[in-house]
Amino acid sequence: MIEPWFNDKPQSLSTLAKVFWLSLRYRKYHFKTWMSAHNKQYGLDEYYQRLQNFIENKRRIDHHNAGNHKFTMGLNQFADMTFAEFKKQYLITEPQNCSATKGNHVSSNGPYPDAIDWREKGHYITDVKNQGPCGSCWTFSTTGCLESVTAIATGKLPLLAEQQLVDCAGAFNNHGCEGGLPSQAFEYIKYNKGLMAEADYPYTAQDGPCKYNPQLAAAFVKEVVNITKVSEHRSPLDSQSEGLSQICIC
C-alpha cells in the first residue's frame, strides 16, 4: 500500500500543527506495527478507515487502563473494527434462553466459600481459545467446564473438541455456528456417550458433517444439572463439592 504525498512532513507548520502531525505519525507507526503482527493488508481507502477505527479503539483502551479498574485492556486482532462491525460478524443476534433445560439435584447445606479461584488450586483451567467467525461460544463454554471437571477427577487436563459439538449436537436443539446451549450440549455428550479430543477432531470455525468416532471419546458426562435460579437456599459455589458451575455469555 502506498500512502499519498502528504505523508511527508510539511516544512511550514505552526507549533500546534507539528504536534498534531507528530501525534498522527506516532499513531500510524503503532497501527502499522499492529498490522504486521496480525498480517493485515488494506487498499488505500480502507487503510484510512481502519486507521481511524484503530485510533479510536486504542484511545478507549488507554482511557480505561489509566483508571482504577480490576482488569486491563489491550489491542487484539479486532482493533481495526467498530463494535457494530464486530457485533454483526461475531455475536449471536437471536436471544438465547439459558433456562431451556431442567435438572434435579440434592444441595448441601454449606457453608459456601465467598470465592473459588481454580487457577490457584492446580492445573485445572485451559488457556483462552478463539472461536473465530462462528457463533459457537456455547461449545467453548461446554468444553471449558468439562475439561476442568475431568482434570479435577483424573489429574489430567484434556483439550476437548468444540467442533464435534458444532457438527454433531443438532438433534439436541443446537445449531452449530448459529448458536446453541451448553446445557443441551451436555445432554448430547451424555446420550452420545462421549466427546472426542480437539487433536482428533480439530476446530474449523464452520459447520460440517459429523465425524464422531466413539473409539476416540476422551471425556464423558454422567449427569447434567441446570441451575436456573440462585437463591439464598442455593449457591453456585456449592459446586466446589459437586464439580463446576458454568456460565455462558454469547
C-alpha atoms as a PDB file:
ATOM      1  CA  MET A   1       0.000   0.000   0.000  1.00  0.00           C
ATOM      2  CA  ILE A   2       1.320   3.452  -0.982  1.00  0.00           C
ATOM      3  CA  GLU A   3       0.287   6.428   1.109  1.00  0.00           C
ATOM      4  CA  PRO A   4      -0.302   9.828  -0.511  1.00  0.00           C
ATOM      5  CA  TRP A   5       2.300  12.594  -0.794  1.00  0.00           C
ATOM      6  CA  PHE A   6       1.234  14.383   2.389  1.00  0.00           C
ATOM      7  CA  ASN A   7       2.732  11.567   4.457  1.00  0.00           C
ATOM      8  CA  ASP A   8       5.969  13.609   4.320  1.00  0.00           C
ATOM      9  CA  LYS A   9       6.421  16.289   6.959  1.00  0.00           C
ATOM     10  CA  PRO A  10       5.386  19.747   5.677  1.00  0.00           C
ATOM     11  CA  GLN A  11       8.068  22.388   6.034  1.00  0.00           C
ATOM     12  CA  SER A  12       5.860  25.281   7.168  1.00  0.00           C
ATOM     13  CA  LEU A  13       3.762  24.197  10.130  1.00  0.00           C
ATOM     14  CA  SER A  14       2.693  26.012  13.253  1.00  0.00           C
ATOM     15  CA  THR A  15       3.754  24.505  16.578  1.00  0.00           C
ATOM     16  CA  LEU A  16       0.253  23.107  17.164  1.00  0.00           C
ATOM     17  CA  ALA A  17       0.173  21.570  13.685  1.00  0.00           C
ATOM     18  CA  LYS A  18       3.606  19.992  14.237  1.00  0.00           C
ATOM     19  CA  VAL A  19       2.391  18.421  17.481  1.00  0.00           C
ATOM     20  CA  PHE A  20      -0.671  17.046  15.671  1.00  0.00           C
ATOM     21  CA  TRP A  21       1.478  15.729  12.814  1.00  0.00           C
ATOM     22  CA  LEU A  22       3.883  14.015  15.203  1.00  0.00           C
ATOM     23  CA  SER A  23       0.977  12.516  17.142  1.00  0.00           C
ATOM     24  CA  LEU A  24      -0.596  11.163  13.942  1.00  0.00           C
ATOM     25  CA  ARG A  25       2.734   9.767  12.789  1.00  0.00           C
ATOM     26  CA  TYR A  26       3.161   8.042  16.175  1.00  0.00           C
ATOM     27  CA  ARG A  27      -0.321   6.518  15.912  1.00  0.00           C
ATOM     28  CA  LYS A  28       0.304   5.379  12.338  1.00  0.00           C
ATOM     29  CA  TYR A  29       3.511   3.720  13.497  1.00  0.00           C
ATOM     30  CA  HIS A  30       1.577   1.771  16.140  1.00  0.00           C
ATOM     31  CA  PHE A  31      -1.080   0.862  13.581  1.00  0.00           C
ATOM     32  CA  LYS A  32       1.470  -0.442  11.083  1.00  0.00           C
ATOM     33  CA  THR A  33       3.176  -2.444  13.828  1.00  0.00           C
ATOM     34  CA  TRP A  34      -0.205  -3.935  14.735  1.00  0.00           C
ATOM     35  CA  MET A  35      -0.945  -4.632  11.048  1.00  0.00           C
ATOM     36  CA  SER A  36       2.304  -6.534  10.718  1.00  0.00           C
ATOM     37  CA  ALA A  37       1.672  -8.550  13.881  1.00  0.00           C
ATOM     38  CA  HIS A  38      -1.782  -9.598  12.673  1.00  0.00           C
ATOM     39  CA  ASN A  39      -0.930  -9.940   8.964  1.00  0.00           C
ATOM     40  CA  LYS A  40      -3.391  -7.228   7.905  1.00  0.00           C
ATOM     41  CA  GLN A  41      -3.417  -5.628   4.458  1.00  0.00           C
ATOM     42  CA  TYR A  42      -5.733  -2.931   3.081  1.00  0.00           C
ATOM     43  CA  GLY A  43      -6.335  -0.866  -0.003  1.00  0.00           C
ATOM     44  CA  LEU A  44      -5.731   2.868   0.295  1.00  0.00           C
ATOM     45  CA  ASP A  45      -9.314   3.896   1.141  1.00  0.00           C
ATOM     46  CA  GLU A  46      -9.837   1.083   3.635  1.00  0.00           C
ATOM     47  CA  TYR A  47      -6.461   1.798   5.252  1.00  0.00           C
ATOM     48  CA  TYR A  48      -7.550   5.234   6.485  1.00  0.00           C
ATOM     49  CA  GLN A  49     -10.914   3.933   7.731  1.00  0.00           C
ATOM     50  CA  ARG A  50      -9.198   1.107   9.637  1.00  0.00           C
ATOM     51  CA  LEU A  51      -6.616   3.547  10.967  1.00  0.00           C
ATOM     52  CA  GLN A  52      -9.390   5.743  12.348  1.00  0.00           C
ATOM     53  CA  ASN A  53     -11.070   2.723  13.969  1.00  0.00           C
ATOM     54  CA  PHE A  54      -7.740   1.651  15.447  1.00  0.00           C
ATOM     55  CA  ILE A  55      -7.008   5.099  16.877  1.00  0.00           C
ATOM     56  CA  GLU A  56     -10.460   5.298  18.490  1.00  0.00           C
ATOM     57  CA  ASN A  57     -10.208   1.792  19.974  1.00  0.00           C
ATOM     58  CA  LYS A  58      -6.724   2.482  21.308  1.00  0.00           C
ATOM     59  CA  ARG A  59      -7.949   5.732  22.864  1.00  0.00           C
ATOM     60  CA  ARG A  60     -10.678   3.823  24.714  1.00  0.00           C
ATOM     61  CA  ILE A  61      -8.187   1.200  25.859  1.00  0.00           C
ATOM     62  CA  ASP A  62      -5.716   3.807  27.120  1.00  0.00           C
ATOM     63  CA  HIS A  63      -8.505   5.698  28.919  1.00  0.00           C
ATOM     64  CA  HIS A  64      -9.672   2.507  30.626  1.00  0.00           C
ATOM     65  CA  ASN A  65      -6.168   1.431  31.634  1.00  0.00           C
ATOM     66  CA  ALA A  66      -5.484   4.861  33.117  1.00  0.00           C
ATOM     67  CA  GLY A  67      -8.392   4.379  35.542  1.00  0.00           C
ATOM     68  CA  ASN A  68      -8.698   2.355  38.711  1.00  0.00           C
ATOM     69  CA  HIS A  69     -10.070  -0.943  37.398  1.00  0.00           C
ATOM     70  CA  LYS A  70      -9.595  -4.588  38.353  1.00  0.00           C
ATOM     71  CA  PHE A  71      -8.614  -5.548  34.802  1.00  0.00           C
ATOM     72  CA  THR A  72      -6.661  -4.068  31.929  1.00  0.00           C
ATOM     73  CA  MET A  73      -7.489  -3.954  28.245  1.00  0.00           C
ATOM     74  CA  GLY A  74      -5.251  -4.442  25.221  1.00  0.00           C
ATOM     75  CA  LEU A  75      -5.168  -4.494  21.447  1.00  0.00           C
ATOM     76  CA  ASN A  76      -6.203  -7.731  19.752  1.00  0.00           C
ATOM     77  CA  GLN A  77      -6.969  -8.860  16.207  1.00  0.00           C
ATOM     78  CA  PHE A  78     -10.260  -6.909  16.214  1.00  0.00           C
ATOM     79  CA  ALA A  79      -8.712  -3.500  16.953  1.00  0.00           C
ATOM     80  CA  ASP A  80      -9.421  -2.184  13.436  1.00  0.00           C
ATOM     81  CA  MET A  81     -13.171  -2.840  13.674  1.00  0.00           C
ATOM     82  CA  THR A  82     -16.050  -0.794  15.050  1.00  0.00           C
ATOM     83  CA  PHE A  83     -18.254  -2.526  17.607  1.00  0.00           C
ATOM     84  CA  ALA A  84     -21.116  -2.531  15.076  1.00  0.00           C
ATOM     85  CA  GLU A  85     -18.928  -4.485  12.654  1.00  0.00           C
ATOM     86  CA  PHE A  86     -17.784  -6.879  15.364  1.00  0.00           C
ATOM     87  CA  LYS A  87     -21.356  -7.460  16.570  1.00  0.00           C
ATOM     88  CA  LYS A  88     -22.629  -8.162  13.051  1.00  0.00           C
ATOM     89  CA  GLN A  89     -19.824 -10.592  12.239  1.00  0.00           C
ATOM     90  CA  TYR A  90     -19.222 -12.412  15.524  1.00  0.00           C
ATOM     91  CA  LEU A  91     -22.102 -12.070  18.001  1.00  0.00           C
ATOM     92  CA  ILE A  92     -25.310 -14.098  18.069  1.00  0.00           C
ATOM     93  CA  THR A  93     -28.291 -11.909  17.187  1.00  0.00           C
ATOM     94  CA  GLU A  94     -31.062 -14.196  18.442  1.00  0.00           C
ATOM     95  CA  PRO A  95     -31.710 -14.235  22.213  1.00  0.00           C
ATOM     96  CA  GLN A  96     -30.586 -17.411  23.972  1.00  0.00           C
ATOM     97  CA  ASN A  97     -32.914 -18.993  26.552  1.00  0.00           C
ATOM     98  CA  CYS A  98     -30.385 -20.317  29.051  1.00  0.00           C
ATOM     99  CA  SER A  99     -33.113 -21.869  31.229  1.00  0.00           C
ATOM    100  CA  ALA A 100     -34.280 -24.186  28.461  1.00  0.00           C
ATOM    101  CA  THR A 101     -33.370 -27.374  30.304  1.00  0.00           C
ATOM    102  CA  LYS A 102     -34.085 -28.556  33.828  1.00  0.00           C
ATOM    103  CA  GLY A 103     -32.289 -30.791  36.283  1.00  0.00           C
ATOM    104  CA  ASN A 104     -32.768 -32.197  39.772  1.00  0.00           C
ATOM    105  CA  HIS A 105     -30.109 -32.388  42.421  1.00  0.00           C
ATOM    106  CA  VAL A 106     -29.632 -32.575  46.162  1.00  0.00           C
ATOM    107  CA  SER A 107     -27.971 -29.453  47.563  1.00  0.00           C
ATOM    108  CA  SER A 108     -25.681 -29.442  50.550  1.00  0.00           C
ATOM    109  CA  ASN A 109     -26.296 -27.069  53.433  1.00  0.00           C
ATOM    110  CA  GLY A 110     -22.982 -25.211  53.131  1.00  0.00           C
ATOM    111  CA  PRO A 111     -21.130 -23.297  54.368  1.00  0.00           C
ATOM    112  CA  TYR A 112     -20.185 -21.852  50.979  1.00  0.00           C
ATOM    113  CA  PRO A 113     -16.903 -20.038  50.259  1.00  0.00           C
ATOM    114  CA  ASP A 114     -17.027 -16.416  49.166  1.00  0.00           C
ATOM    115  CA  ALA A 115     -14.853 -17.165  46.140  1.00  0.00           C
ATOM    116  CA  ILE A 116     -13.002 -20.003  44.412  1.00  0.00           C
ATOM    117  CA  ASP A 117     -10.093 -19.447  42.016  1.00  0.00           C
ATOM    118  CA  TRP A 118      -9.320 -22.770  40.383  1.00  0.00           C
ATOM    119  CA  ARG A 119      -6.163 -21.331  38.857  1.00  0.00           C
ATOM    120  CA  GLU A 120      -4.665 -21.281  42.343  1.00  0.00           C
ATOM    121  CA  LYS A 121      -5.584 -24.894  43.033  1.00  0.00           C
ATOM    122  CA  GLY A 122      -3.579 -26.526  40.256  1.00  0.00           C
ATOM    123  CA  HIS A 123      -3.620 -27.216  36.534  1.00  0.00           C
ATOM    124  CA  TYR A 124      -7.377 -27.231  36.086  1.00  0.00           C
ATOM    125  CA  ILE A 125      -8.039 -24.416  33.588  1.00  0.00           C
ATOM    126  CA  THR A 126      -7.186 -24.431  29.882  1.00  0.00           C
ATOM    127  CA  ASP A 127      -5.884 -21.383  28.029  1.00  0.00           C
ATOM    128  CA  VAL A 128      -8.321 -18.985  26.363  1.00  0.00           C
ATOM    129  CA  LYS A 129      -9.447 -20.248  22.955  1.00  0.00           C
ATOM    130  CA  ASN A 130     -10.613 -18.346  19.862  1.00  0.00           C
ATOM    131  CA  GLN A 131     -13.969 -19.302  18.335  1.00  0.00           C
ATOM    132  CA  GLY A 132     -13.308 -17.285  15.173  1.00  0.00           C
ATOM    133  CA  PRO A 133     -16.174 -16.193  12.861  1.00  0.00           C
ATOM    134  CA  CYS A 134     -18.578 -18.833  14.177  1.00  0.00           C
ATOM    135  CA  GLY A 135     -21.353 -18.451  16.761  1.00  0.00           C
ATOM    136  CA  SER A 136     -20.031 -21.417  18.717  1.00  0.00           C
ATOM    137  CA  CYS A 137     -19.488 -19.791  22.139  1.00  0.00           C
ATOM    138  CA  TRP A 138     -21.818 -22.410  23.623  1.00  0.00           C
ATOM    139  CA  THR A 139     -19.405 -25.188  22.600  1.00  0.00           C
ATOM    140  CA  PHE A 140     -16.416 -23.474  24.246  1.00  0.00           C
ATOM    141  CA  SER A 141     -18.408 -22.939  27.438  1.00  0.00           C
ATOM    142  CA  THR A 142     -19.254 -26.652  27.390  1.00  0.00           C
ATOM    143  CA  THR A 143     -15.738 -27.925  26.749  1.00  0.00           C
ATOM    144  CA  GLY A 144     -14.178 -25.474  29.211  1.00  0.00           C
ATOM    145  CA  CYS A 145     -16.337 -26.798  32.023  1.00  0.00           C
ATOM    146  CA  LEU A 146     -15.922 -30.471  31.074  1.00  0.00           C
ATOM    147  CA  GLU A 147     -12.165 -30.087  30.649  1.00  0.00           C
ATOM    148  CA  SER A 148     -11.834 -28.719  34.172  1.00  0.00           C
ATOM    149  CA  VAL A 149     -14.170 -31.301  35.719  1.00  0.00           C
ATOM    150  CA  THR A 150     -12.143 -34.045  34.033  1.00  0.00           C
ATOM    151  CA  ALA A 151      -8.909 -32.535  35.356  1.00  0.00           C
ATOM    152  CA  ILE A 152     -10.294 -32.395  38.904  1.00  0.00           C
ATOM    153  CA  ALA A 153     -11.412 -36.025  38.692  1.00  0.00           C
ATOM    154  CA  THR A 154      -8.373 -37.523  36.926  1.00  0.00           C
ATOM    155  CA  GLY A 155      -5.499 -35.093  37.414  1.00  0.00           C
ATOM    156  CA  LYS A 156      -5.142 -34.707  33.639  1.00  0.00           C
ATOM    157  CA  LEU A 157      -6.382 -31.605  31.792  1.00  0.00           C
ATOM    158  CA  PRO A 158      -7.632 -32.510  28.291  1.00  0.00           C
ATOM    159  CA  LEU A 159      -8.373 -30.278  25.324  1.00  0.00           C
ATOM    160  CA  LEU A 160     -11.800 -31.302  24.024  1.00  0.00           C
ATOM    161  CA  ALA A 161     -13.426 -30.975  20.601  1.00  0.00           C
ATOM    162  CA  GLU A 162     -15.696 -27.959  20.188  1.00  0.00           C
ATOM    163  CA  GLN A 163     -16.027 -28.907  16.518  1.00  0.00           C
ATOM    164  CA  GLN A 164     -17.773 -32.180  17.409  1.00  0.00           C
ATOM    165  CA  LEU A 165     -20.475 -30.170  19.172  1.00  0.00           C
ATOM    166  CA  VAL A 166     -20.777 -27.793  16.226  1.00  0.00           C
ATOM    167  CA  ASP A 167     -21.170 -30.691  13.776  1.00  0.00           C
ATOM    168  CA  CYS A 168     -22.981 -33.355  15.779  1.00  0.00           C
ATOM    169  CA  ALA A 169     -25.226 -31.870  18.504  1.00  0.00           C
ATOM    170  CA  GLY A 170     -28.027 -30.602  16.251  1.00  0.00           C
ATOM    171  CA  ALA A 171     -30.544 -33.209  17.402  1.00  0.00           C
ATOM    172  CA  PHE A 172     -30.441 -31.588  20.845  1.00  0.00           C
ATOM    173  CA  ASN A 173     -31.732 -28.245  19.535  1.00  0.00           C
ATOM    174  CA  ASN A 174     -28.302 -26.769  18.854  1.00  0.00           C
ATOM    175  CA  HIS A 175     -27.485 -25.008  15.602  1.00  0.00           C
ATOM    176  CA  GLY A 176     -23.747 -25.157  15.050  1.00  0.00           C
ATOM    177  CA  CYS A 177     -22.328 -21.758  14.175  1.00  0.00           C
ATOM    178  CA  GLU A 178     -25.783 -20.229  14.569  1.00  0.00           C
ATOM    179  CA  GLY A 179     -25.871 -20.841  18.320  1.00  0.00           C
ATOM    180  CA  GLY A 180     -26.841 -23.381  20.934  1.00  0.00           C
ATOM    181  CA  LEU A 181     -26.936 -24.002  24.673  1.00  0.00           C
ATOM    182  CA  PRO A 182     -24.279 -25.601  26.893  1.00  0.00           C
ATOM    183  CA  SER A 183     -26.967 -27.459  28.860  1.00  0.00           C
ATOM    184  CA  GLN A 184     -28.184 -29.054  25.629  1.00  0.00           C
ATOM    185  CA  ALA A 185     -24.607 -29.779  24.596  1.00  0.00           C
ATOM    186  CA  PHE A 186     -24.075 -31.655  27.873  1.00  0.00           C
ATOM    187  CA  GLU A 187     -27.235 -33.655  27.174  1.00  0.00           C
ATOM    188  CA  TYR A 188     -25.792 -34.556  23.772  1.00  0.00           C
ATOM    189  CA  ILE A 189     -22.480 -35.706  25.273  1.00  0.00           C
ATOM    190  CA  LYS A 190     -24.326 -37.765  27.896  1.00  0.00           C
ATOM    191  CA  TYR A 191     -26.534 -39.643  25.419  1.00  0.00           C
ATOM    192  CA  ASN A 192     -23.852 -39.769  22.735  1.00  0.00           C
ATOM    193  CA  LYS A 193     -21.548 -41.464  25.253  1.00  0.00           C
ATOM    194  CA  GLY A 194     -18.544 -39.241  24.801  1.00  0.00           C
ATOM    195  CA  LEU A 195     -16.721 -36.234  23.387  1.00  0.00           C
ATOM    196  CA  MET A 196     -13.507 -36.510  21.403  1.00  0.00           C
ATOM    197  CA  ALA A 197     -10.264 -34.612  21.952  1.00  0.00           C
ATOM    198  CA  GLU A 198      -9.505 -31.481  19.974  1.00  0.00           C
ATOM    199  CA  ALA A 199      -6.440 -33.160  18.456  1.00  0.00           C
ATOM    200  CA  ASP A 200      -8.634 -35.914  16.977  1.00  0.00           C
ATOM    201  CA  TYR A 201     -11.454 -33.565  15.891  1.00  0.00           C
ATOM    202  CA  PRO A 202      -9.828 -30.168  15.093  1.00  0.00           C
ATOM    203  CA  TYR A 203     -11.755 -26.911  15.219  1.00  0.00           C
ATOM    204  CA  THR A 204     -12.585 -25.306  11.843  1.00  0.00           C
ATOM    205  CA  ALA A 205     -14.940 -22.457  12.872  1.00  0.00           C
ATOM    206  CA  GLN A 206     -17.577 -23.576  10.362  1.00  0.00           C
ATOM    207  CA  ASP A 207     -20.396 -26.096  10.163  1.00  0.00           C
ATOM    208  CA  GLY A 208     -19.517 -29.517   8.812  1.00  0.00           C
ATOM    209  CA  PRO A 209     -20.635 -33.159   8.723  1.00  0.00           C
ATOM    210  CA  CYS A 210     -20.464 -35.144  11.952  1.00  0.00           C
ATOM    211  CA  LYS A 211     -17.263 -37.194  12.202  1.00  0.00           C
ATOM    212  CA  TYR A 212     -17.600 -38.579  15.718  1.00  0.00           C
ATOM    213  CA  ASN A 213     -15.627 -41.746  16.428  1.00  0.00           C
ATOM    214  CA  PRO A 214     -16.771 -43.386  19.701  1.00  0.00           C
ATOM    215  CA  GLN A 215     -13.483 -45.278  19.978  1.00  0.00           C
ATOM    216  CA  LEU A 216     -11.703 -41.914  20.394  1.00  0.00           C
ATOM    217  CA  ALA A 217     -14.006 -40.489  23.088  1.00  0.00           C
ATOM    218  CA  ALA A 218     -11.877 -38.592  25.615  1.00  0.00           C
ATOM    219  CA  ALA A 219     -14.451 -37.290  28.116  1.00  0.00           C
ATOM    220  CA  PHE A 220     -17.909 -38.308  29.327  1.00  0.00           C
ATOM    221  CA  VAL A 221     -20.928 -36.856  31.127  1.00  0.00           C
ATOM    222  CA  LYS A 222     -22.827 -38.935  33.695  1.00  0.00           C
ATOM    223  CA  GLU A 223     -25.403 -36.364  34.782  1.00  0.00           C
ATOM    224  CA  VAL A 224     -26.466 -32.804  33.893  1.00  0.00           C
ATOM    225  CA  VAL A 225     -27.732 -30.215  36.387  1.00  0.00           C
ATOM    226  CA  ASN A 226     -29.060 -26.865  35.177  1.00  0.00           C
ATOM    227  CA  ILE A 227     -29.246 -24.173  37.871  1.00  0.00           C
ATOM    228  CA  THR A 228     -31.935 -21.839  36.564  1.00  0.00           C
ATOM    229  CA  LYS A 229     -32.248 -19.590  39.625  1.00  0.00           C
ATOM    230  CA  VAL A 230     -29.901 -18.862  42.505  1.00  0.00           C
ATOM    231  CA  SER A 231     -31.449 -18.001  45.846  1.00  0.00           C
ATOM    232  CA  GLU A 232     -30.412 -17.982  49.485  1.00  0.00           C
ATOM    233  CA  HIS A 233     -31.045 -21.737  49.502  1.00  0.00           C
ATOM    234  CA  ARG A 234     -28.552 -22.490  46.730  1.00  0.00           C
ATOM    235  CA  SER A 235     -25.138 -21.009  45.979  1.00  0.00           C
ATOM    236  CA  PRO A 236     -23.374 -21.678  42.661  1.00  0.00           C
ATOM    237  CA  LEU A 237     -20.180 -22.058  44.702  1.00  0.00           C
ATOM    238  CA  ASP A 238     -21.701 -25.206  46.201  1.00  0.00           C
ATOM    239  CA  SER A 239     -20.285 -26.720  43.007  1.00  0.00           C
ATOM    240  CA  GLN A 240     -16.922 -26.909  44.783  1.00  0.00           C
ATOM    241  CA  SER A 241     -18.117 -30.224  46.194  1.00  0.00           C
ATOM    242  CA  GLU A 242     -20.113 -31.329  43.129  1.00  0.00           C
ATOM    243  CA  GLY A 243     -17.975 -30.254  40.188  1.00  0.00           C
ATOM    244  CA  LEU A 244     -18.012 -26.869  38.452  1.00  0.00           C
ATOM    245  CA  SER A 245     -20.702 -24.362  37.629  1.00  0.00           C
ATOM    246  CA  GLN A 246     -20.696 -22.912  34.152  1.00  0.00           C
ATOM    247  CA  ILE A 247     -21.688 -19.519  32.813  1.00  0.00           C
ATOM    248  CA  CYS A 248     -22.043 -18.836  29.097  1.00  0.00           C
ATOM    249  CA  ILE A 249     -22.262 -15.287  27.694  1.00  0.00           C
ATOM    250  CA  CYS A 250     -22.684 -15.130  23.921  1.00  0.00           C
END
